[in-house]
Amino acid sequence: MTENIFNKVCIYGAGAIGGWLGVRLAGAGCRVSVVARGATLDALQRHGLRSRHGHVEVTASVQASADPAQLGPQDLVVIAVKTPSLLEVARHMAPLIGPNTLVLSAMNGVPWWFFQGFGRDFEGTHLQSVDATGEIGAAIPAARVIGCVVHASCSLILPGYVQHHFGNKLIIGEPSGAKTERVTQLAALLGRAGFDASVSEQIQADVWYKLWGNMTMNPISAITGATTDLILGDELVRGFVSSVMLEAKEIGTRLGIPIAQQPEDRHAVTMKLGAFKTSMLQDVEMGKALELDALVTVVKELGALTGVPTPFTDALLGLSRLYGRVRGLY
């Protein structure tokens, strides 16, 4: 049996995905702690971290605190917050970082480390839309990071109590694409925790492919209140979605991460999910900040960087950020 070098694991962001990951990692024998505040902190201290799939409920005993200094250095820190919260996380996570701590970035959208060890002529480029001040990259250097693309649907029943709907796939990888011992060991741990975990040779390609679908579904659902079946069921909206996706497809090609599919191929996959409510629509309903910059603003920035015109992406960004601003969500 592979030795577990990740004994102490901290979840920073015990929302739906973070909570699901935390429960599973605790079940694999890790000593799991959680940085949380408010109702989530209270729930974790009272009931532990809970997860339900179907009729099966699992509870994990975790150490929870609002102060990372109370938790101390970790072997692994899992960041599972929405991107509007990431700068605040970066400013407070130093007490969790020891000499060999790894950071698993389990977030949607294009991350701050995207061009570290990747990008052809663009390698090392700093993305303003996801790390405007450079503080995130300074606090969480790419050398610490393992990227993670999550293919699963979870929601919160109550604070600290996760409903896992479907999907169990985690794709992880070094920003450089190297197959290191540490990424192999982390994949083994995730496998023991019950995830369908694999190591990518180019995690940026997996990030981009996931973004290719949710950069449209998320903001359109937020603006309209529609589930994905209704969005793709309207031929005019579906055509607009395809136009945005074709812009992103060309950007990916110029970055060296081409997508072999056409938009209609991805629509067919999305339609199989049925009346699916996106995470951004759930955020609107709960009055939470919209995760636009890492999903849409960054695509506009990358279009300018690679010389790809993005009129459809610009329209989507303009409408969705105006919607968010009027409601105090952006």
C-alpha atoms as a PDB file:
ATOM      1  CA  MET A   1       0.000   0.000   0.000  1.00  0.00           C
ATOM      2  CA  THR A   2       1.315   3.453  -0.973  1.00  0.00           C
ATOM      3  CA  GLU A   3       2.425   5.539   1.982  1.00  0.00           C
ATOM      4  CA  ASN A   4       0.187   8.535   2.605  1.00  0.00           C
ATOM      5  CA  ILE A   5       2.411  11.627   2.757  1.00  0.00           C
ATOM      6  CA  PHE A   6      -0.672  13.823   3.068  1.00  0.00           C
ATOM      7  CA  ASN A   7      -1.665  13.100   6.653  1.00  0.00           C
ATOM      8  CA  LYS A   8      -2.736  16.625   7.551  1.00  0.00           C
ATOM      9  CA  VAL A   9      -5.213  18.081   5.068  1.00  0.00           C
ATOM     10  CA  CYS A  10      -6.943  21.439   5.353  1.00  0.00           C
ATOM     11  CA  ILE A  11     -10.027  22.362   3.339  1.00  0.00           C
ATOM     12  CA  TYR A  12     -10.212  26.105   2.681  1.00  0.00           C
ATOM     13  CA  GLY A  13     -13.754  26.629   1.481  1.00  0.00           C
ATOM     14  CA  ALA A  14     -16.171  24.059   2.924  1.00  0.00           C
ATOM     15  CA  GLY A  15     -18.911  24.699   0.398  1.00  0.00           C
ATOM     16  CA  ALA A  16     -20.424  21.984  -1.747  1.00  0.00           C
ATOM     17  CA  ILE A  17     -17.267  20.777  -3.520  1.00  0.00           C
ATOM     18  CA  GLY A  18     -14.904  21.448  -0.598  1.00  0.00           C
ATOM     19  CA  GLY A  19     -17.173  19.614   1.813  1.00  0.00           C
ATOM     20  CA  TRP A  20     -17.483  16.631  -0.517  1.00  0.00           C
ATOM     21  CA  LEU A  21     -13.707  16.427  -0.896  1.00  0.00           C
ATOM     22  CA  GLY A  22     -13.169  16.790   2.861  1.00  0.00           C
ATOM     23  CA  VAL A  23     -15.521  13.982   3.839  1.00  0.00           C
ATOM     24  CA  ARG A  24     -13.905  11.599   1.361  1.00  0.00           C
ATOM     25  CA  LEU A  25     -10.347  12.488   2.423  1.00  0.00           C
ATOM     26  CA  ALA A  26     -11.250  11.978   6.083  1.00  0.00           C
ATOM     27  CA  GLY A  27     -12.595   8.555   5.123  1.00  0.00           C
ATOM     28  CA  ALA A  28      -9.214   7.761   3.560  1.00  0.00           C
ATOM     29  CA  GLY A  29      -7.505   8.321   6.916  1.00  0.00           C
ATOM     30  CA  CYS A  30      -6.411  11.958   6.595  1.00  0.00           C
ATOM     31  CA  ARG A  31      -6.613  14.305   9.589  1.00  0.00           C
ATOM     32  CA  VAL A  32      -8.909  16.880   8.040  1.00  0.00           C
ATOM     33  CA  SER A  33      -9.278  20.441   9.236  1.00  0.00           C
ATOM     34  CA  VAL A  34     -11.439  23.207   7.788  1.00  0.00           C
ATOM     35  CA  VAL A  35     -11.172  26.982   7.702  1.00  0.00           C
ATOM     36  CA  ALA A  36     -14.726  28.260   8.042  1.00  0.00           C
ATOM     37  CA  ARG A  37     -16.759  31.112   9.460  1.00  0.00           C
ATOM     38  CA  GLY A  38     -20.275  31.872  10.633  1.00  0.00           C
ATOM     39  CA  ALA A  39     -22.971  29.265  10.264  1.00  0.00           C
ATOM     40  CA  THR A  40     -20.602  26.810   8.551  1.00  0.00           C
ATOM     41  CA  LEU A  41     -18.103  26.963  11.413  1.00  0.00           C
ATOM     42  CA  ASP A  42     -20.881  26.450  13.944  1.00  0.00           C
ATOM     43  CA  ALA A  43     -22.289  23.483  12.008  1.00  0.00           C
ATOM     44  CA  LEU A  44     -18.876  21.821  11.673  1.00  0.00           C
ATOM     45  CA  GLN A  45     -18.158  22.186  15.379  1.00  0.00           C
ATOM     46  CA  ARG A  46     -21.570  20.817  16.314  1.00  0.00           C
ATOM     47  CA  HIS A  47     -22.121  18.060  13.753  1.00  0.00           C
ATOM     48  CA  GLY A  48     -18.862  17.483  11.862  1.00  0.00           C
ATOM     49  CA  LEU A  49     -18.632  17.588   8.088  1.00  0.00           C
ATOM     50  CA  ARG A  50     -21.510  15.701   6.471  1.00  0.00           C
ATOM     51  CA  SER A  51     -22.160  14.385   2.969  1.00  0.00           C
ATOM     52  CA  ARG A  52     -25.080  12.525   1.435  1.00  0.00           C
ATOM     53  CA  HIS A  53     -25.304  10.577  -1.812  1.00  0.00           C
ATOM     54  CA  GLY A  54     -28.643   8.932  -2.476  1.00  0.00           C
ATOM     55  CA  HIS A  55     -29.761   7.559   0.884  1.00  0.00           C
ATOM     56  CA  VAL A  56     -26.231   7.125   2.233  1.00  0.00           C
ATOM     57  CA  GLU A  57     -24.965   9.748   4.664  1.00  0.00           C
ATOM     58  CA  VAL A  58     -21.362  10.012   5.880  1.00  0.00           C
ATOM     59  CA  THR A  59     -20.086  12.183   8.727  1.00  0.00           C
ATOM     60  CA  ALA A  60     -16.449  13.135   9.269  1.00  0.00           C
ATOM     61  CA  SER A  61     -15.069  14.564  12.487  1.00  0.00           C
ATOM     62  CA  VAL A  62     -12.954  17.604  11.568  1.00  0.00           C
ATOM     63  CA  GLN A  63     -11.119  20.383  13.365  1.00  0.00           C
ATOM     64  CA  ALA A  64     -12.740  23.646  12.312  1.00  0.00           C
ATOM     65  CA  SER A  65     -11.576  27.193  12.946  1.00  0.00           C
ATOM     66  CA  ALA A  66     -11.970  30.670  11.498  1.00  0.00           C
ATOM     67  CA  ASP A  67      -8.269  31.263  12.188  1.00  0.00           C
ATOM     68  CA  PRO A  68      -5.762  29.330  10.021  1.00  0.00           C
ATOM     69  CA  ALA A  69      -3.092  29.916  12.696  1.00  0.00           C
ATOM     70  CA  GLN A  70      -5.021  27.592  15.037  1.00  0.00           C
ATOM     71  CA  LEU A  71      -4.703  24.782  12.493  1.00  0.00           C
ATOM     72  CA  GLY A  72      -0.998  25.177  11.701  1.00  0.00           C
ATOM     73  CA  PRO A  73       1.101  23.862   8.797  1.00  0.00           C
ATOM     74  CA  GLN A  74      -0.507  21.204   6.626  1.00  0.00           C
ATOM     75  CA  ASP A  75       0.704  18.564   4.198  1.00  0.00           C
ATOM     76  CA  LEU A  76      -2.049  19.481   1.747  1.00  0.00           C
ATOM     77  CA  VAL A  77      -4.316  22.525   1.504  1.00  0.00           C
ATOM     78  CA  VAL A  78      -7.358  22.160  -0.729  1.00  0.00           C
ATOM     79  CA  ILE A  79      -8.639  25.502  -1.991  1.00  0.00           C
ATOM     80  CA  ALA A  80     -12.266  25.079  -3.016  1.00  0.00           C
ATOM     81  CA  VAL A  81     -13.610  28.624  -2.809  1.00  0.00           C
ATOM     82  CA  LYS A  82     -15.275  30.639  -5.554  1.00  0.00           C
ATOM     83  CA  THR A  83     -12.804  32.954  -7.261  1.00  0.00           C
ATOM     84  CA  PRO A  84     -14.215  36.220  -5.804  1.00  0.00           C
ATOM     85  CA  SER A  85     -13.047  34.932  -2.392  1.00  0.00           C
ATOM     86  CA  LEU A  86      -9.582  33.807  -3.473  1.00  0.00           C
ATOM     87  CA  LEU A  87      -7.679  37.023  -2.742  1.00  0.00           C
ATOM     88  CA  GLU A  88      -8.924  37.006   0.851  1.00  0.00           C
ATOM     89  CA  VAL A  89      -7.886  33.352   1.178  1.00  0.00           C
ATOM     90  CA  ALA A  90      -4.416  34.108  -0.178  1.00  0.00           C
ATOM     91  CA  ARG A  91      -3.979  36.862   2.392  1.00  0.00           C
ATOM     92  CA  HIS A  92      -4.720  34.542   5.317  1.00  0.00           C
ATOM     93  CA  MET A  93      -3.370  31.102   4.424  1.00  0.00           C
ATOM     94  CA  ALA A  94       0.322  31.599   5.319  1.00  0.00           C
ATOM     95  CA  PRO A  95      -0.006  29.782   8.703  1.00  0.00           C
ATOM     96  CA  LEU A  96      -1.125  26.653   6.811  1.00  0.00           C
ATOM     97  CA  ILE A  97       1.997  26.537   4.652  1.00  0.00           C
ATOM     98  CA  GLY A  98       5.001  24.520   5.837  1.00  0.00           C
ATOM     99  CA  PRO A  99       8.215  23.661   3.967  1.00  0.00           C
ATOM    100  CA  ASN A 100       6.618  20.872   1.915  1.00  0.00           C
ATOM    101  CA  THR A 101       2.950  21.880   1.815  1.00  0.00           C
ATOM    102  CA  LEU A 102       1.123  21.320  -1.461  1.00  0.00           C
ATOM    103  CA  VAL A 103      -1.897  23.344  -2.539  1.00  0.00           C
ATOM    104  CA  LEU A 104      -4.611  21.610  -4.534  1.00  0.00           C
ATOM    105  CA  SER A 105      -6.470  24.217  -6.567  1.00  0.00           C
ATOM    106  CA  ALA A 106      -9.988  22.789  -6.997  1.00  0.00           C
ATOM    107  CA  MET A 107     -11.740  25.790  -8.510  1.00  0.00           C
ATOM    108  CA  ASN A 108     -13.655  26.708 -11.642  1.00  0.00           C
ATOM    109  CA  GLY A 109     -12.244  28.837 -14.412  1.00  0.00           C
ATOM    110  CA  VAL A 110      -8.760  29.892 -15.464  1.00  0.00           C
ATOM    111  CA  PRO A 111      -6.448  29.959 -12.404  1.00  0.00           C
ATOM    112  CA  TRP A 112      -3.666  32.357 -11.422  1.00  0.00           C
ATOM    113  CA  TRP A 113      -1.035  29.717 -12.227  1.00  0.00           C
ATOM    114  CA  PHE A 114      -2.317  29.039 -15.773  1.00  0.00           C
ATOM    115  CA  PHE A 115       0.813  30.222 -17.622  1.00  0.00           C
ATOM    116  CA  GLN A 116       3.369  28.794 -15.209  1.00  0.00           C
ATOM    117  CA  GLY A 117       5.307  26.148 -17.147  1.00  0.00           C
ATOM    118  CA  PHE A 118       2.875  26.406 -20.056  1.00  0.00           C
ATOM    119  CA  GLY A 119       1.775  28.656 -22.871  1.00  0.00           C
ATOM    120  CA  ARG A 120       4.403  28.696 -25.638  1.00  0.00           C
ATOM    121  CA  ASP A 121       5.260  32.375 -26.241  1.00  0.00           C
ATOM    122  CA  PHE A 122       2.870  33.368 -23.445  1.00  0.00           C
ATOM    123  CA  GLU A 123       4.557  31.312 -20.701  1.00  0.00           C
ATOM    124  CA  GLY A 124       4.895  33.324 -17.488  1.00  0.00           C
ATOM    125  CA  THR A 125       2.193  35.828 -18.468  1.00  0.00           C
ATOM    126  CA  HIS A 126       0.385  37.410 -15.525  1.00  0.00           C
ATOM    127  CA  LEU A 127      -3.393  37.433 -15.972  1.00  0.00           C
ATOM    128  CA  GLN A 128      -4.893  40.666 -14.668  1.00  0.00           C
ATOM    129  CA  SER A 129      -8.444  39.345 -14.651  1.00  0.00           C
ATOM    130  CA  VAL A 130      -7.707  36.598 -12.124  1.00  0.00           C
ATOM    131  CA  ASP A 131      -4.881  38.159 -10.049  1.00  0.00           C
ATOM    132  CA  ALA A 132      -4.991  41.904 -10.571  1.00  0.00           C
ATOM    133  CA  THR A 133      -2.521  42.812  -7.815  1.00  0.00           C
ATOM    134  CA  GLY A 134      -0.262  39.759  -8.083  1.00  0.00           C
ATOM    135  CA  GLU A 135      -0.929  38.957  -4.412  1.00  0.00           C
ATOM    136  CA  ILE A 136      -2.413  35.539  -5.119  1.00  0.00           C
ATOM    137  CA  GLY A 137       0.603  34.379  -7.095  1.00  0.00           C
ATOM    138  CA  ALA A 138       2.951  35.738  -4.434  1.00  0.00           C
ATOM    139  CA  ALA A 139       1.081  34.018  -1.586  1.00  0.00           C
ATOM    140  CA  ILE A 140       0.520  30.731  -3.449  1.00  0.00           C
ATOM    141  CA  PRO A 141       3.454  30.213  -5.847  1.00  0.00           C
ATOM    142  CA  ALA A 142       2.952  27.830  -8.749  1.00  0.00           C
ATOM    143  CA  ALA A 143       5.721  25.604  -7.328  1.00  0.00           C
ATOM    144  CA  ARG A 144       3.303  24.723  -4.500  1.00  0.00           C
ATOM    145  CA  VAL A 145       0.324  24.062  -6.744  1.00  0.00           C
ATOM    146  CA  ILE A 146      -1.297  20.945  -8.125  1.00  0.00           C
ATOM    147  CA  GLY A 147      -4.163  21.850 -10.442  1.00  0.00           C
ATOM    148  CA  CYS A 148      -7.468  20.015 -10.134  1.00  0.00           C
ATOM    149  CA  VAL A 149     -10.448  19.919 -12.478  1.00  0.00           C
ATOM    150  CA  VAL A 150     -13.600  18.638 -10.784  1.00  0.00           C
ATOM    151  CA  HIS A 151     -16.276  16.874 -12.810  1.00  0.00           C
ATOM    152  CA  ALA A 152     -19.028  16.443 -10.234  1.00  0.00           C
ATOM    153  CA  SER A 153     -22.236  18.118  -9.138  1.00  0.00           C
ATOM    154  CA  CYS A 154     -22.790  18.911  -5.465  1.00  0.00           C
ATOM    155  CA  SER A 155     -24.962  21.345  -3.541  1.00  0.00           C
ATOM    156  CA  LEU A 156     -25.422  22.344   0.081  1.00  0.00           C
ATOM    157  CA  ILE A 157     -28.376  20.962   2.014  1.00  0.00           C
ATOM    158  CA  LEU A 158     -27.327  23.001   5.053  1.00  0.00           C
ATOM    159  CA  PRO A 159     -24.051  24.660   6.072  1.00  0.00           C
ATOM    160  CA  GLY A 160     -21.470  21.880   6.379  1.00  0.00           C
ATOM    161  CA  TYR A 161     -23.870  19.323   4.883  1.00  0.00           C
ATOM    162  CA  VAL A 162     -23.321  18.399   1.212  1.00  0.00           C
ATOM    163  CA  GLN A 163     -25.601  16.661  -1.268  1.00  0.00           C
ATOM    164  CA  HIS A 164     -23.554  14.829  -3.929  1.00  0.00           C
ATOM    165  CA  HIS A 165     -25.693  14.526  -7.058  1.00  0.00           C
ATOM    166  CA  PHE A 166     -23.545  12.944  -9.765  1.00  0.00           C
ATOM    167  CA  GLY A 167     -20.016  12.769 -11.133  1.00  0.00           C
ATOM    168  CA  ASN A 168     -16.927  11.501  -9.338  1.00  0.00           C
ATOM    169  CA  LYS A 169     -14.039  12.541 -11.575  1.00  0.00           C
ATOM    170  CA  LEU A 170     -10.978  14.506 -10.486  1.00  0.00           C
ATOM    171  CA  ILE A 171      -8.239  15.351 -12.996  1.00  0.00           C
ATOM    172  CA  ILE A 172      -5.049  16.610 -11.372  1.00  0.00           C
ATOM    173  CA  GLY A 173      -1.737  17.789 -12.746  1.00  0.00           C
ATOM    174  CA  GLU A 174       1.376  19.847 -12.219  1.00  0.00           C
ATOM    175  CA  PRO A 175       1.232  23.278 -13.926  1.00  0.00           C
ATOM    176  CA  SER A 176       4.427  22.269 -15.749  1.00  0.00           C
ATOM    177  CA  GLY A 177       2.906  19.003 -16.967  1.00  0.00           C
ATOM    178  CA  ALA A 178       5.632  16.951 -15.259  1.00  0.00           C
ATOM    179  CA  LYS A 179       4.589  13.577 -13.825  1.00  0.00           C
ATOM    180  CA  THR A 180       6.232  14.046 -10.435  1.00  0.00           C
ATOM    181  CA  GLU A 181       6.266  11.714  -7.480  1.00  0.00           C
ATOM    182  CA  ARG A 182       4.102  14.112  -5.494  1.00  0.00           C
ATOM    183  CA  VAL A 183       1.328  14.263  -8.092  1.00  0.00           C
ATOM    184  CA  THR A 184       1.403  10.467  -8.430  1.00  0.00           C
ATOM    185  CA  GLN A 185       1.110  10.077  -4.646  1.00  0.00           C
ATOM    186  CA  LEU A 186      -1.737  12.570  -4.512  1.00  0.00           C
ATOM    187  CA  ALA A 187      -3.605  10.716  -7.246  1.00  0.00           C
ATOM    188  CA  ALA A 188      -3.163   7.492  -5.276  1.00  0.00           C
ATOM    189  CA  LEU A 189      -4.619   9.135  -2.158  1.00  0.00           C
ATOM    190  CA  LEU A 190      -7.596  10.471  -4.102  1.00  0.00           C
ATOM    191  CA  GLY A 191      -8.161   7.000  -5.518  1.00  0.00           C
ATOM    192  CA  ARG A 192      -8.181   5.496  -2.015  1.00  0.00           C
ATOM    193  CA  ALA A 193     -10.673   8.190  -1.009  1.00  0.00           C
ATOM    194  CA  GLY A 194     -13.066   6.861  -3.632  1.00  0.00           C
ATOM    195  CA  PHE A 195     -12.573   9.394  -6.427  1.00  0.00           C
ATOM    196  CA  ASP A 196     -12.043   8.541 -10.072  1.00  0.00           C
ATOM    197  CA  ALA A 197      -8.693  10.342 -10.135  1.00  0.00           C
ATOM    198  CA  SER A 198      -6.272  10.667 -13.031  1.00  0.00           C
ATOM    199  CA  VAL A 199      -3.081  12.613 -13.728  1.00  0.00           C
ATOM    200  CA  SER A 200      -3.038  14.938 -16.727  1.00  0.00           C
ATOM    201  CA  GLU A 201       0.048  15.685 -18.804  1.00  0.00           C
ATOM    202  CA  GLN A 202      -1.367  19.163 -19.481  1.00  0.00           C
ATOM    203  CA  ILE A 203      -3.820  20.257 -16.812  1.00  0.00           C
ATOM    204  CA  GLN A 204      -4.387  23.582 -18.589  1.00  0.00           C
ATOM    205  CA  ALA A 205      -6.067  21.677 -21.435  1.00  0.00           C
ATOM    206  CA  ASP A 206      -8.467  20.078 -18.948  1.00  0.00           C
ATOM    207  CA  VAL A 207      -9.138  23.467 -17.327  1.00  0.00           C
ATOM    208  CA  TRP A 208      -9.866  24.967 -20.742  1.00  0.00           C
ATOM    209  CA  TYR A 209     -12.151  22.136 -21.827  1.00  0.00           C
ATOM    210  CA  LYS A 210     -14.297  22.469 -18.715  1.00  0.00           C
ATOM    211  CA  LEU A 211     -14.354  26.250 -19.108  1.00  0.00           C
ATOM    212  CA  TRP A 212     -15.492  25.800 -22.711  1.00  0.00           C
ATOM    213  CA  GLY A 213     -18.833  24.535 -21.435  1.00  0.00           C
ATOM    214  CA  ASN A 214     -19.434  26.476 -18.241  1.00  0.00           C
ATOM    215  CA  MET A 215     -18.287  29.939 -19.379  1.00  0.00           C
ATOM    216  CA  THR A 216     -21.621  30.212 -21.219  1.00  0.00           C
ATOM    217  CA  MET A 217     -24.078  28.107 -19.244  1.00  0.00           C
ATOM    218  CA  ASN A 218     -23.210  29.746 -15.933  1.00  0.00           C
ATOM    219  CA  PRO A 219     -23.710  33.445 -16.741  1.00  0.00           C
ATOM    220  CA  ILE A 220     -26.685  32.882 -19.059  1.00  0.00           C
ATOM    221  CA  SER A 221     -28.431  30.859 -16.369  1.00  0.00           C
ATOM    222  CA  ALA A 222     -27.635  33.579 -13.816  1.00  0.00           C
ATOM    223  CA  ILE A 223     -29.186  36.297 -15.987  1.00  0.00           C
ATOM    224  CA  THR A 224     -32.257  34.323 -17.087  1.00  0.00           C
ATOM    225  CA  GLY A 225     -32.890  31.972 -14.165  1.00  0.00           C
ATOM    226  CA  ALA A 226     -33.085  29.122 -16.688  1.00  0.00           C
ATOM    227  CA  THR A 227     -31.779  25.601 -16.302  1.00  0.00           C
ATOM    228  CA  THR A 228     -29.393  24.301 -18.973  1.00  0.00           C
ATOM    229  CA  ASP A 229     -32.083  22.373 -20.870  1.00  0.00           C
ATOM    230  CA  LEU A 230     -34.081  25.563 -21.397  1.00  0.00           C
ATOM    231  CA  ILE A 231     -31.000  27.532 -22.440  1.00  0.00           C
ATOM    232  CA  LEU A 232     -30.034  25.022 -25.112  1.00  0.00           C
ATOM    233  CA  GLY A 233     -33.664  24.432 -26.056  1.00  0.00           C
ATOM    234  CA  ASP A 234     -33.980  27.998 -27.366  1.00  0.00           C
ATOM    235  CA  GLU A 235     -32.419  28.022 -30.826  1.00  0.00           C
ATOM    236  CA  LEU A 236     -31.400  31.700 -30.686  1.00  0.00           C
ATOM    237  CA  VAL A 237     -29.708  31.347 -27.310  1.00  0.00           C
ATOM    238  CA  ARG A 238     -28.120  28.079 -28.404  1.00  0.00           C
ATOM    239  CA  GLY A 239     -26.695  29.836 -31.462  1.00  0.00           C
ATOM    240  CA  PHE A 240     -25.287  32.613 -29.287  1.00  0.00           C
ATOM    241  CA  VAL A 241     -23.699  30.035 -26.956  1.00  0.00           C
ATOM    242  CA  SER A 242     -22.077  28.333 -29.940  1.00  0.00           C
ATOM    243  CA  SER A 243     -20.647  31.649 -31.161  1.00  0.00           C
ATOM    244  CA  VAL A 244     -19.029  32.322 -27.769  1.00  0.00           C
ATOM    245  CA  MET A 245     -17.625  28.797 -27.716  1.00  0.00           C
ATOM    246  CA  LEU A 246     -16.102  29.165 -31.180  1.00  0.00           C
ATOM    247  CA  GLU A 247     -14.204  32.242 -29.993  1.00  0.00           C
ATOM    248  CA  ALA A 248     -12.844  30.324 -26.991  1.00  0.00           C
ATOM    249  CA  LYS A 249     -12.018  27.350 -29.226  1.00  0.00           C
ATOM    250  CA  GLU A 250      -9.813  29.557 -31.431  1.00  0.00           C
ATOM    251  CA  ILE A 251      -8.086  31.071 -28.383  1.00  0.00           C
ATOM    252  CA  GLY A 252      -7.322  27.563 -27.115  1.00  0.00           C
ATOM    253  CA  THR A 253      -5.853  26.589 -30.480  1.00  0.00           C
ATOM    254  CA  ARG A 254      -3.475  29.557 -30.359  1.00  0.00           C
ATOM    255  CA  LEU A 255      -2.445  28.666 -26.806  1.00  0.00           C
ATOM    256  CA  GLY A 256      -1.636  25.084 -27.784  1.00  0.00           C
ATOM    257  CA  ILE A 257      -4.698  23.497 -26.167  1.00  0.00           C
ATOM    258  CA  PRO A 258      -6.992  22.816 -29.138  1.00  0.00           C
ATOM    259  CA  ILE A 259     -10.443  21.324 -28.619  1.00  0.00           C
ATOM    260  CA  ALA A 260     -11.310  18.606 -31.129  1.00  0.00           C
ATOM    261  CA  GLN A 261     -15.072  18.932 -30.622  1.00  0.00           C
ATOM    262  CA  GLN A 262     -17.539  21.427 -32.057  1.00  0.00           C
ATOM    263  CA  PRO A 263     -20.017  23.329 -29.858  1.00  0.00           C
ATOM    264  CA  GLU A 264     -22.884  21.012 -30.890  1.00  0.00           C
ATOM    265  CA  ASP A 265     -20.916  18.033 -29.547  1.00  0.00           C
ATOM    266  CA  ARG A 266     -20.707  19.702 -26.138  1.00  0.00           C
ATOM    267  CA  HIS A 267     -24.369  20.755 -26.256  1.00  0.00           C
ATOM    268  CA  ALA A 268     -25.352  17.104 -26.689  1.00  0.00           C
ATOM    269  CA  VAL A 269     -23.431  16.191 -23.525  1.00  0.00           C
ATOM    270  CA  THR A 270     -24.985  19.074 -21.570  1.00  0.00           C
ATOM    271  CA  MET A 271     -28.512  18.188 -22.700  1.00  0.00           C
ATOM    272  CA  LYS A 272     -28.093  14.704 -21.209  1.00  0.00           C
ATOM    273  CA  LEU A 273     -27.887  16.340 -17.764  1.00  0.00           C
ATOM    274  CA  GLY A 274     -31.532  17.368 -18.077  1.00  0.00           C
ATOM    275  CA  ALA A 275     -32.902  20.353 -16.152  1.00  0.00           C
ATOM    276  CA  PHE A 276     -29.558  21.200 -14.551  1.00  0.00           C
ATOM    277  CA  LYS A 277     -29.170  24.287 -12.353  1.00  0.00           C
ATOM    278  CA  THR A 278     -25.675  25.782 -12.688  1.00  0.00           C
ATOM    279  CA  SER A 279     -23.542  26.821  -9.733  1.00  0.00           C
ATOM    280  CA  MET A 280     -23.769  30.491 -10.758  1.00  0.00           C
ATOM    281  CA  LEU A 281     -27.555  30.367 -10.765  1.00  0.00           C
ATOM    282  CA  GLN A 282     -27.391  28.811  -7.292  1.00  0.00           C
ATOM    283  CA  ASP A 283     -25.111  31.693  -6.239  1.00  0.00           C
ATOM    284  CA  VAL A 284     -27.619  34.267  -7.538  1.00  0.00           C
ATOM    285  CA  GLU A 285     -30.405  32.610  -5.589  1.00  0.00           C
ATOM    286  CA  MET A 286     -28.288  32.774  -2.427  1.00  0.00           C
ATOM    287  CA  GLY A 287     -27.139  36.346  -3.039  1.00  0.00           C
ATOM    288  CA  LYS A 288     -23.485  35.381  -3.503  1.00  0.00           C
ATOM    289  CA  ALA A 289     -20.882  37.135  -5.672  1.00  0.00           C
ATOM    290  CA  LEU A 290     -20.764  36.053  -9.308  1.00  0.00           C
ATOM    291  CA  GLU A 291     -17.697  34.103 -10.437  1.00  0.00           C
ATOM    292  CA  LEU A 292     -17.412  36.019 -13.712  1.00  0.00           C
ATOM    293  CA  ASP A 293     -13.766  37.032 -13.917  1.00  0.00           C
ATOM    294  CA  ALA A 294     -12.219  33.547 -13.992  1.00  0.00           C
ATOM    295  CA  LEU A 295     -14.912  32.289 -16.379  1.00  0.00           C
ATOM    296  CA  VAL A 296     -15.561  35.135 -18.823  1.00  0.00           C
ATOM    297  CA  THR A 297     -13.425  38.237 -18.195  1.00  0.00           C
ATOM    298  CA  VAL A 298     -10.302  36.104 -18.530  1.00  0.00           C
ATOM    299  CA  VAL A 299     -11.434  34.824 -21.945  1.00  0.00           C
ATOM    300  CA  LYS A 300     -11.717  38.411 -23.162  1.00  0.00           C
ATOM    301  CA  GLU A 301      -8.197  39.040 -21.811  1.00  0.00           C
ATOM    302  CA  LEU A 302      -6.845  35.910 -23.491  1.00  0.00           C
ATOM    303  CA  GLY A 303      -8.519  36.915 -26.749  1.00  0.00           C
ATOM    304  CA  ALA A 304      -6.641  40.215 -26.688  1.00  0.00           C
ATOM    305  CA  LEU A 305      -3.423  38.385 -25.809  1.00  0.00           C
ATOM    306  CA  THR A 306      -3.709  35.904 -28.686  1.00  0.00           C
ATOM    307  CA  GLY A 307      -5.204  38.271 -31.265  1.00  0.00           C
ATOM    308  CA  VAL A 308      -8.627  36.575 -31.408  1.00  0.00           C
ATOM    309  CA  PRO A 309     -11.622  38.946 -31.718  1.00  0.00           C
ATOM    310  CA  THR A 310     -14.239  38.194 -29.029  1.00  0.00           C
ATOM    311  CA  PRO A 311     -17.428  40.171 -29.834  1.00  0.00           C
ATOM    312  CA  PHE A 312     -19.771  37.442 -28.572  1.00  0.00           C
ATOM    313  CA  THR A 313     -17.763  36.884 -25.391  1.00  0.00           C
ATOM    314  CA  ASP A 314     -17.714  40.655 -24.854  1.00  0.00           C
ATOM    315  CA  ALA A 315     -21.509  40.796 -25.143  1.00  0.00           C
ATOM    316  CA  LEU A 316     -21.903  37.948 -22.655  1.00  0.00           C
ATOM    317  CA  LEU A 317     -19.494  39.608 -20.225  1.00  0.00           C
ATOM    318  CA  GLY A 318     -21.123  43.019 -20.535  1.00  0.00           C
ATOM    319  CA  LEU A 319     -24.629  41.733 -19.893  1.00  0.00           C
ATOM    320  CA  SER A 320     -23.691  39.402 -17.052  1.00  0.00           C
ATOM    321  CA  ARG A 321     -21.507  41.880 -15.159  1.00  0.00           C
ATOM    322  CA  LEU A 322     -24.168  44.591 -15.524  1.00  0.00           C
ATOM    323  CA  TYR A 323     -26.713  42.144 -14.120  1.00  0.00           C
ATOM    324  CA  GLY A 324     -24.358  41.413 -11.230  1.00  0.00           C
ATOM    325  CA  ARG A 325     -23.589  45.069 -10.517  1.00  0.00           C
ATOM    326  CA  VAL A 326     -27.249  46.084 -10.416  1.00  0.00           C
ATOM    327  CA  ARG A 327     -27.859  43.358  -7.819  1.00  0.00           C
ATOM    328  CA  GLY A 328     -24.686  43.976  -5.824  1.00  0.00           C
ATOM    329  CA  LEU A 329     -23.234  40.610  -6.843  1.00  0.00           C
ATOM    330  CA  TYR A 330     -20.258  41.808  -8.895  1.00  0.00           C
END
